[in-house]
Amino acid sequence: MISTQRWPEQSCVLLQLLLWVSFAQTQEPICRQLDTEIPQLSKDGDILLGGSFYFHSSWKSRENNFTQKPLPLECISLNFREFQFAQAMLFAIEEINNSTDLLPGISLGYKIYDTCGSVSRSIKVALALNNGNENMSFTSEGECPRPVQVPAIMGETSSSPSTAVATVFGAFHIPMISHFATCACLSDKTKYPSFLRTVPSDYYQSRALAHLVKHFGWTWVGAVRTNDDYGNNGMATFTEIAEQLGICLEYSISFFRTDPTEKIKKITKTIKDSTAKVVVAFLSHRDMEVLIHELSNQNLTGYQWVGSESWIFDSQIAAMDKTHILDGAIGLSIPKAHVSGLREFMLDVKPLILSNNKLFREFWETLFRCKFKQAKESETLKKCTGYEDLRGVENSFTDMSLMPIFNNVYKGVYAVAHALHNIFGCSKTCNNSAQLDPYMILKHIQKINFKTKEGDEVYFNEDGDPPAKYEIINWQPKENGMVDFVTVGLYDASFPAAKQLNLQNKSIIWTHRSTEVPVSVCSVKCPPGTRKVLQKGKPVCCYDCIRCAKGEMSNITDAVSCVKCPPESWSNVRGDACVQKEAEFLSFEEIMGILLTSAALLGTCLTAAVALIFFRHRKTPLVRANNSELSFLLLFSLTLCFLCSLTFIGQPSEWSCMLRHTAFGITFVLCISCVLGKTMVVLMAFKATLPGKNIMKWFGPTQQRLSVLGFTLVQVIICILWLTISPPFPTKNFKEFKDKIILECSLGSAVGFWSVLGYIGLLALLCFMLAFLARKLPDNFNEAKFITFSMLIFCVVWIAFIPAYVSSPGKFSVAVEIFAILASSFGMLFCIFIPKCYIMLIKPEKNTKRNMMGKGAP
């Protein structure tokens, strides 16, 4: 919990120690203290318990000139809270003394000291409780023995003095039980072996606060802490856990209540200039009082405050917040408690007043603004009687909101009593002859496990800490300007990690009385479809949201990286999911497929029409002169060429991939073989007309059939080898387009494919050369001219096909191949057969044998 004033008086302590040493060297061998500490409250008993509280929260500053013994601290500023804690201790002792079940026949007394909030004075009190104030003689050979004065000490309230005092007591194994020192450092049993406490360690509180901040999505917060063991250790743990949870601190600043006003103003300026709208305040209640005063002066509202247990349920802080800066604050508090009879006992201080107890008389004078001594006529203060009524007074002493801490004091006293009860083996009576040893008492306290009259279970773990349970408190303003501390959740560290924090979000009121959870982030959350990119030089909570690249996706908020889609998938437009890629192939339904299909069917129909014309005119000289058998075979092969182009359209399958290339290769070779045969017929016919030549007998119909069959058989063999060794197969091309799958036919063997094309090209080139040679033969209707043109078109188309095919992506490469097939087929159909059809249909007078022989009418 809270820590007290830092230690400007250490130089005074050092001087005292030096004087002590010099005095001891010059005096007789007697153990003595230079300054004896007198308890402010004491009562005799069979066993005395020690108490260390700071009834005054400060002291007057003095300049030490180091030429004389420093004067004792003059304590100022009464702290009514500590009076309450002391009263809780007295109540527990009185209750135990009146009990017949616990320590029967043994009375407990007490010695309670005022430390004035000074660490050095706390150490002096610890030594007094350890040794007492009596002087003791000793010889040079012997030791300076002194029995332990108290078996256990209740206190301190704060962490910093607790660390100092626990160091002293730890060496003697004297149990020290604190009711409000929460620093996690005190759980280190190697440094503080005899320290125990009835309040949970900040080890759990810091983690609970970090998880609370994370629960509401606040990833960009500011932090203010007390500059002492409580604040520094607590905030260090909070920062560590916050970083693990992805929470960033825009600033983390510390101060102490005695710091100059300029520093406090600098703190408020830092808060005002920040972009974080949530402030985590790990402050003692006295430091929070200083800060809230300056915040009120600046009217710094609109921030969501998250508080530690030191101030979040402090009604005095709420009363100071006149400008409602802390409205809607949320934080952890010790669970509410009730100790029956404690409130009545606490307010009944008249016996102490009437017993002339100096401390309580000062307390009474401050409380009622009166004086017990006769006031002078010039003084305005009235005279105290000791019978003033506390019921009409409202201040921090009559305020019972700190009952959970009173309960901690109460449980600490009972823990010692139960340990003594066990040591003495009490039943109806106690064996009080047992020798008390601090180490024995410590071990028994560490093992106790009992329930108070209110049903609270009391025990300590191996670190001397109680179970960590907190209530989550929300400051909810009322219509009359007061504040209600409403419990909106619980935190129990004994539960599994996922169930430790339990909140009822609907009942929370936030800053400005809003019911909407405030937003405090450095960067808004990156939606699905984007990823975080850290901003240079800023914490990890500050980032930009970058859209995932094409083909990548993120389906979570604040994704650190995008996930690459599987090969067959592609990111959607939003980039938050992978969808199946569109499968692309040349289909019959699309415009390009329809046009190519129409062209193929048109070519088939035209070829059939030409074949019909040729069939009807099969006995005419024109048809018979041009080898009608080869003409019909050529028309049949052209029909197959047009039809084979259809196998390239549609989704590729195993059979279509093998059929399309082999059918194309064989039908084109058959077609060119027929053209080659016709060309050779023209050449042979001319050669046969020369005297002494009888070549036609070597190239008659049989030889023509065999040549066509032979040329075609070679292509068939090439295709069989191709299909046997490495046939074409359907494949999915992911490389051509990132967002599409190209369904295409893989060639299998590129050698097979280019062998088929190469053989077709070889025959076409041979045919072109022969036709070119026969183009000027003296024939009235020389078919070689038309064959030359058809082969020229064929060669040009297929030469242009090669680069176009290689460079065309996806289905366009298939379209290029179909276009080449159709273009070359149409070229042969038009160049070879259309002129003949023209003669037969338009110029029938030229379709005579005489005209064929070049002997037209004179």
Foldseek 3Di string as FASTA:
>chain_A
DAAADDAPCVVLVVLLVVVVVVVCVPDAQKDAHPDAFAFLDKDDWQAEEEEEEAQARAFDDDDDPSPDRDDDTHGDHGDLVRLLLVLLLVVLQVVQQPDLFFQHPTHYMYGYHHQSRHLSSLQVSLVCQQANHDMGGDDPPDDGDGHHRHQEYEDDQEAQSCLSSLQVVQVQLRAYEYLHHAQPVLLPCVRRVRYFYAAHHLLVQLLVLLVVCVVLPFQEEAEEFEPDRQGVRSVVSNQVNNVVSNHDHPYYYYDHLPDDPVVLVVVVVVVVPDQFQEYEYRYAQSVLLSNLVVCVVVVDARHAYEYEQRHLLPQVSQVSNQSQRHALHKYWHQDDDDDPPSLVSLQPCLVVCVVVSVSVVVVVCVQQVADCDDDDPPDPHHHDDSPDHCVVGDDPNNDCSVVSSSVRSSVVSVLLSVLVCVQQVDGSHGNVVDDDRSNSSSVSSQPDWDADPRGDIDHADPSNYTFDKIFMWTWHADPVRGTDTDGFWMAGPVDPPVPRTGGDLQPGQTTVRDSDRDYGFQDDKAAWQWEWDADPPDDPRHTDTGGADWQWTDQDIHHHHTHGHPLQWIADPSRHDTDGFAEDAAACPDPLNVVLLVLLVVQLVVLVVLLVLCVVCVVFQLCVVQPVVLVNQLSVLLNLLSVLLNLRHDFDAFVSQLSSLLSNLLSLQLNLLSLLLSLVVLVQVLQCPDPPDDCCVVNDPVNSVVSSVVSSVVSVVLSVVQCVPFQKGWDWDCPLDVRHTFTDIDRRDPVSRVVSVVSSLVSLVVSLVSLVVQVPRPWLDRLSVLSNQLSVQLNVLVVVLVVQLVPDDGNVSSSSVSVSSSRSSVSSCCSRRVVVVCCVPPVVVCRHPCNRRVNDDD
